[in-house]
Protein backbone atom coordinates (compact mmCIF):
# COMPACT_ATOMS: atom_id res chain seq x y z
CA MET A 1 -0.67 -1.73 9.87
CA LYS A 2 -3.90 -2.60 11.50
CA VAL A 3 -5.69 0.16 13.40
CA LYS A 4 -8.80 -0.07 15.70
CA SER A 5 -11.02 3.07 15.83
CA ALA A 6 -14.28 3.75 17.69
CA PHE A 7 -16.69 6.84 17.42
CA LYS A 8 -20.24 7.17 18.45
CA LYS A 9 -21.87 3.73 17.57
CA TYR A 10 -19.28 2.55 15.08
CA THR A 11 -16.21 0.43 15.82
CA CYS A 12 -14.04 -0.43 12.74
CA TRP A 13 -10.75 -1.88 11.93
CA PHE A 14 -8.67 -0.15 9.24
CA GLU A 15 -5.63 -1.83 7.35
CA PHE A 16 -3.18 0.30 5.56
CA PHE A 17 0.07 -0.51 3.55
CA ILE A 18 2.12 1.74 1.47
CA ASN A 19 4.33 -0.27 -1.16
CA PRO A 20 7.62 1.52 -1.47
CA ASP A 21 7.75 0.43 -5.13
CA GLU A 22 4.55 2.21 -6.07
CA LEU A 23 5.86 5.90 -4.95
CA PHE A 24 5.23 8.37 -7.75
CA PRO A 25 7.58 11.25 -8.67
CA GLU A 26 6.62 14.76 -7.71
CA ILE A 27 3.66 16.16 -9.51
CA PHE A 28 4.56 19.68 -8.46
CA PRO A 29 7.61 20.78 -6.82
CA GLY A 30 7.37 19.49 -3.12
CA THR A 31 4.18 17.54 -3.66
CA LYS A 32 4.31 13.62 -3.91
CA SER A 33 1.52 11.11 -4.63
CA VAL A 34 1.18 8.00 -2.97
CA ASP A 35 -0.97 5.04 -3.33
CA VAL A 36 -2.00 3.45 -0.13
CA ARG A 37 -3.59 -0.06 -0.09
CA ALA A 38 -6.46 0.19 2.47
CA ALA A 39 -9.31 -1.96 3.90
CA ILE A 40 -12.28 -1.27 6.39
CA LEU A 41 -13.28 -4.10 8.34
CA SER A 42 -16.30 -4.22 10.87
CA GLU A 43 -15.65 -5.07 14.50
CA GLN A 44 -16.30 -8.76 13.66
CA GLN A 45 -13.47 -8.48 10.97
CA VAL A 46 -15.83 -8.47 7.93
CA VAL A 47 -14.51 -6.54 5.05
CA LEU A 48 -16.70 -3.60 4.39
CA TRP A 49 -14.31 -2.36 1.56
CA SER A 50 -10.95 -2.95 0.37
CA GLY A 51 -8.99 -0.97 -2.22
CA VAL A 52 -6.37 1.73 -3.24
CA VAL A 53 -6.60 5.18 -2.16
CA SER A 54 -4.39 8.04 -3.61
CA VAL A 55 -2.94 10.53 -1.41
CA LYS A 56 -1.05 13.81 -1.97
CA VAL A 57 1.67 14.68 0.58
CA ASN A 58 3.36 18.06 0.63
CA GLU A 59 4.88 20.43 3.25
CA PHE A 60 1.27 21.85 4.27
CA GLY A 61 -0.40 18.49 4.83
CA ILE A 62 -1.62 15.07 3.85
CA PHE A 63 -4.55 15.21 1.31
CA PRO A 64 -6.32 12.13 0.52
CA GLU A 65 -8.14 12.17 -3.03
CA PRO A 66 -11.65 13.65 -2.32
CA LYS A 67 -13.49 11.92 -4.98
CA GLN A 68 -12.35 8.43 -3.87
CA ALA A 69 -13.42 9.28 -0.28
CA ARG A 70 -16.93 10.37 -1.24
CA GLU A 71 -17.31 6.93 -3.20
CA LEU A 72 -16.64 4.66 -0.27
CA PRO A 73 -19.66 2.47 0.45
CA VAL A 74 -19.83 3.04 3.94
CA PRO A 75 -21.60 5.54 6.37
CA ASP A 76 -20.36 9.15 6.71
CA THR A 77 -18.97 8.63 10.13
CA ILE A 78 -16.94 5.63 9.13
CA LYS A 79 -15.59 7.66 6.02
CA LYS A 80 -14.38 10.34 8.47
CA MET A 81 -12.82 7.85 10.83
CA PHE A 82 -11.21 6.30 7.74
CA LEU A 83 -9.71 9.66 6.64
CA LEU A 84 -8.35 10.59 10.07
CA GLU A 85 -6.77 7.23 10.60
CA LEU A 86 -5.28 7.34 7.15
CA ARG A 87 -3.70 10.80 7.94
CA ARG A 88 -2.51 9.32 11.29
CA TYR A 89 -0.79 6.36 9.43
CA ILE A 90 0.98 8.36 6.89
CA LYS A 91 2.12 11.43 9.16
CA PRO A 92 5.06 9.46 10.78
CA GLN A 93 6.25 8.32 7.39
CA LYS A 94 5.99 11.47 5.64
CA ALA A 95 9.77 12.27 5.69
CA PHE A 96 10.52 9.02 4.25
CA LEU A 97 8.21 9.24 1.21
């Protein structure tokens, strides 16, 4: 799924994909781990970052791996936009994971 997001002076495109074959068993009762293939693109469709982000999902929320989020080679504003859009992408699919 491709999503366009704008905040302050930044406009980016985010691509997300969950491969159903890569779902992991529950780590703790009620907590699932999912690998999401993601990409951050500039407004001109130039890839700024591409990779896999681990996300834990439980009844209380959706939690991307903090270490991976910190290591993204983009400005902090784009990191926040990325995490927000990632949660928005996963939320409707949460019941099916």
